[in-house]
Amino acid sequence: MNKERSSRLEGRIRSGKLSRRDIVRRLGELAFGSANDCVRLVLEDCPDLDALELSLLSEVRRSDKGGVEVKLIDRLKAVEALSAAIGADDGEAAEFLRALGGGGEP
């Protein structure tokens, strides 16, 4: 999501005009969005921050030895929230989410 779109979303939240469709769309972007720009942020020498979509980025660390650690948001939580938002509360959805989280049967 670019900064302009993010500003519009923040404005809609403040004005109380945020719809369920907006929430579902945003959760879908978080759950299934591309992390390419997050990687570009740490690999490029001088990335254009305004052009990067960094909503999936949670944390960036650089060690004393030059190593870089990039943490992204918990996509499983985003998928769970998306599932709840669209009303997918059938047994198959719950079983799928359990399996994604490592809680399924071996």
C-alpha atoms as a PDB file:
ATOM      1  CA  MET A   1       0.000   0.000   0.000  1.00  0.00           C
ATOM      2  CA  ASN A   2       1.493   3.340  -0.982  1.00  0.00           C
ATOM      3  CA  LYS A   3       1.536   6.386   1.290  1.00  0.00           C
ATOM      4  CA  GLU A   4      -1.352   8.123  -0.507  1.00  0.00           C
ATOM      5  CA  ARG A   5      -3.596   5.091  -0.128  1.00  0.00           C
ATOM      6  CA  SER A   6      -2.503   4.680   3.473  1.00  0.00           C
ATOM      7  CA  SER A   7      -3.396   8.326   4.209  1.00  0.00           C
ATOM      8  CA  ARG A   8      -6.845   7.848   2.662  1.00  0.00           C
ATOM      9  CA  LEU A   9      -7.390   4.752   4.798  1.00  0.00           C
ATOM     10  CA  GLU A  10      -6.331   6.595   7.950  1.00  0.00           C
ATOM     11  CA  GLY A  11      -8.739   9.412   7.068  1.00  0.00           C
ATOM     12  CA  ARG A  12     -11.601   6.960   6.639  1.00  0.00           C
ATOM     13  CA  ILE A  13     -10.807   5.358   9.984  1.00  0.00           C
ATOM     14  CA  ARG A  14     -10.820   8.743  11.749  1.00  0.00           C
ATOM     15  CA  SER A  15     -14.080   9.804  10.100  1.00  0.00           C
ATOM     16  CA  GLY A  16     -15.815   6.517  10.895  1.00  0.00           C
ATOM     17  CA  LYS A  17     -16.291   5.676   7.206  1.00  0.00           C
ATOM     18  CA  LEU A  18     -14.279   2.469   7.205  1.00  0.00           C
ATOM     19  CA  SER A  19     -16.325  -0.374   5.754  1.00  0.00           C
ATOM     20  CA  ARG A  20     -16.117  -4.102   6.292  1.00  0.00           C
ATOM     21  CA  ARG A  21     -14.943  -4.390   2.679  1.00  0.00           C
ATOM     22  CA  ASP A  22     -12.012  -2.052   3.446  1.00  0.00           C
ATOM     23  CA  ILE A  23     -11.028  -4.230   6.397  1.00  0.00           C
ATOM     24  CA  VAL A  24     -11.262  -7.458   4.403  1.00  0.00           C
ATOM     25  CA  ARG A  25      -9.232  -5.943   1.551  1.00  0.00           C
ATOM     26  CA  ARG A  26      -6.509  -4.755   3.941  1.00  0.00           C
ATOM     27  CA  LEU A  27      -6.333  -8.089   5.763  1.00  0.00           C
ATOM     28  CA  GLY A  28      -6.016  -9.822   2.388  1.00  0.00           C
ATOM     29  CA  GLU A  29      -3.130  -7.524   1.457  1.00  0.00           C
ATOM     30  CA  LEU A  30      -1.392  -8.334   4.743  1.00  0.00           C
ATOM     31  CA  ALA A  31      -2.030 -12.067   4.525  1.00  0.00           C
ATOM     32  CA  PHE A  32      -1.040 -12.554   0.881  1.00  0.00           C
ATOM     33  CA  GLY A  33       0.959  -9.462  -0.095  1.00  0.00           C
ATOM     34  CA  SER A  34       4.452  -9.526  -1.533  1.00  0.00           C
ATOM     35  CA  ALA A  35       7.460  -8.958   0.722  1.00  0.00           C
ATOM     36  CA  ASN A  36       9.716  -7.939  -2.181  1.00  0.00           C
ATOM     37  CA  ASP A  37       9.918  -4.289  -1.136  1.00  0.00           C
ATOM     38  CA  CYS A  38      10.879  -5.298   2.416  1.00  0.00           C
ATOM     39  CA  VAL A  39      13.831  -7.201   0.988  1.00  0.00           C
ATOM     40  CA  ARG A  40      14.652  -4.350  -1.392  1.00  0.00           C
ATOM     41  CA  LEU A  41      14.846  -2.025   1.626  1.00  0.00           C
ATOM     42  CA  VAL A  42      17.805  -3.909   3.094  1.00  0.00           C
ATOM     43  CA  LEU A  43      19.544  -4.926  -0.138  1.00  0.00           C
ATOM     44  CA  GLU A  44      19.629  -1.645  -2.055  1.00  0.00           C
ATOM     45  CA  ASP A  45      22.130   1.058  -1.138  1.00  0.00           C
ATOM     46  CA  CYS A  46      19.716   3.999  -1.366  1.00  0.00           C
ATOM     47  CA  PRO A  47      16.151   2.731  -1.782  1.00  0.00           C
ATOM     48  CA  ASP A  48      13.362   5.215  -2.512  1.00  0.00           C
ATOM     49  CA  LEU A  49      11.346   4.803   0.686  1.00  0.00           C
ATOM     50  CA  ASP A  50       8.305   6.572  -0.754  1.00  0.00           C
ATOM     51  CA  ALA A  51       8.091   3.974  -3.516  1.00  0.00           C
ATOM     52  CA  LEU A  52       8.379   0.936  -1.225  1.00  0.00           C
ATOM     53  CA  GLU A  53       5.388  -0.958   0.142  1.00  0.00           C
ATOM     54  CA  LEU A  54       6.534  -1.847   3.671  1.00  0.00           C
ATOM     55  CA  SER A  55       3.280  -2.704   5.459  1.00  0.00           C
ATOM     56  CA  LEU A  56       4.428  -6.308   5.927  1.00  0.00           C
ATOM     57  CA  LEU A  57       7.601  -5.178   7.675  1.00  0.00           C
ATOM     58  CA  SER A  58       7.663  -5.637  11.422  1.00  0.00           C
ATOM     59  CA  GLU A  59      11.319  -5.135  12.294  1.00  0.00           C
ATOM     60  CA  VAL A  60      14.760  -4.687  10.746  1.00  0.00           C
ATOM     61  CA  ARG A  61      17.988  -5.304  12.658  1.00  0.00           C
ATOM     62  CA  ARG A  62      21.576  -4.939  11.587  1.00  0.00           C
ATOM     63  CA  SER A  63      24.206  -6.746  13.633  1.00  0.00           C
ATOM     64  CA  ASP A  64      27.652  -5.412  14.527  1.00  0.00           C
ATOM     65  CA  LYS A  65      29.092  -7.821  11.946  1.00  0.00           C
ATOM     66  CA  GLY A  66      26.911  -6.469   9.132  1.00  0.00           C
ATOM     67  CA  GLY A  67      24.252  -9.174   9.110  1.00  0.00           C
ATOM     68  CA  VAL A  68      20.656  -8.105   8.540  1.00  0.00           C
ATOM     69  CA  GLU A  69      17.548  -9.621  10.085  1.00  0.00           C
ATOM     70  CA  VAL A  70      14.162  -8.762   8.590  1.00  0.00           C
ATOM     71  CA  LYS A  71      10.989  -9.693  10.457  1.00  0.00           C
ATOM     72  CA  LEU A  72       7.632  -9.622   8.738  1.00  0.00           C
ATOM     73  CA  ILE A  73       4.184  -9.523  10.288  1.00  0.00           C
ATOM     74  CA  ASP A  74       2.622 -12.802  11.378  1.00  0.00           C
ATOM     75  CA  ARG A  75       0.770 -13.806   8.224  1.00  0.00           C
ATOM     76  CA  LEU A  76      -1.023 -16.659   9.972  1.00  0.00           C
ATOM     77  CA  LYS A  77      -2.669 -14.135  12.301  1.00  0.00           C
ATOM     78  CA  ALA A  78      -3.648 -12.050   9.286  1.00  0.00           C
ATOM     79  CA  VAL A  79      -5.179 -15.119   7.614  1.00  0.00           C
ATOM     80  CA  GLU A  80      -7.049 -15.955  10.827  1.00  0.00           C
ATOM     81  CA  ALA A  81      -8.356 -12.388  11.092  1.00  0.00           C
ATOM     82  CA  LEU A  82      -9.341 -12.463   7.416  1.00  0.00           C
ATOM     83  CA  SER A  83     -11.149 -15.760   7.920  1.00  0.00           C
ATOM     84  CA  ALA A  84     -13.051 -14.308  10.879  1.00  0.00           C
ATOM     85  CA  ALA A  85     -13.863 -11.107   8.965  1.00  0.00           C
ATOM     86  CA  ILE A  86     -15.394 -12.975   6.022  1.00  0.00           C
ATOM     87  CA  GLY A  87     -17.237 -15.379   8.277  1.00  0.00           C
ATOM     88  CA  ALA A  88     -15.385 -18.525   7.265  1.00  0.00           C
ATOM     89  CA  ASP A  89     -16.039 -20.325  10.519  1.00  0.00           C
ATOM     90  CA  ASP A  90     -16.676 -23.763   9.082  1.00  0.00           C
ATOM     91  CA  GLY A  91     -14.643 -26.736  10.277  1.00  0.00           C
ATOM     92  CA  GLU A  92     -12.484 -26.827   7.146  1.00  0.00           C
ATOM     93  CA  ALA A  93     -11.188 -23.278   7.680  1.00  0.00           C
ATOM     94  CA  ALA A  94     -10.348 -23.985  11.318  1.00  0.00           C
ATOM     95  CA  GLU A  95      -8.579 -27.226  10.382  1.00  0.00           C
ATOM     96  CA  PHE A  96      -6.608 -25.468   7.640  1.00  0.00           C
ATOM     97  CA  LEU A  97      -5.497 -22.679   9.996  1.00  0.00           C
ATOM     98  CA  ARG A  98      -4.495 -25.228  12.654  1.00  0.00           C
ATOM     99  CA  ALA A  99      -2.381 -27.067  10.076  1.00  0.00           C
ATOM    100  CA  LEU A 100      -0.738 -23.828   8.944  1.00  0.00           C
ATOM    101  CA  GLY A 101       0.169 -23.068  12.540  1.00  0.00           C
ATOM    102  CA  GLY A 102       1.759 -26.474  13.034  1.00  0.00           C
ATOM    103  CA  GLY A 103      -1.063 -27.763  15.218  1.00  0.00           C
ATOM    104  CA  GLY A 104      -2.386 -30.333  12.744  1.00  0.00           C
ATOM    105  CA  GLU A 105      -2.030 -34.079  13.006  1.00  0.00           C
ATOM    106  CA  PRO A 106       1.347 -35.525  11.919  1.00  0.00           C
END
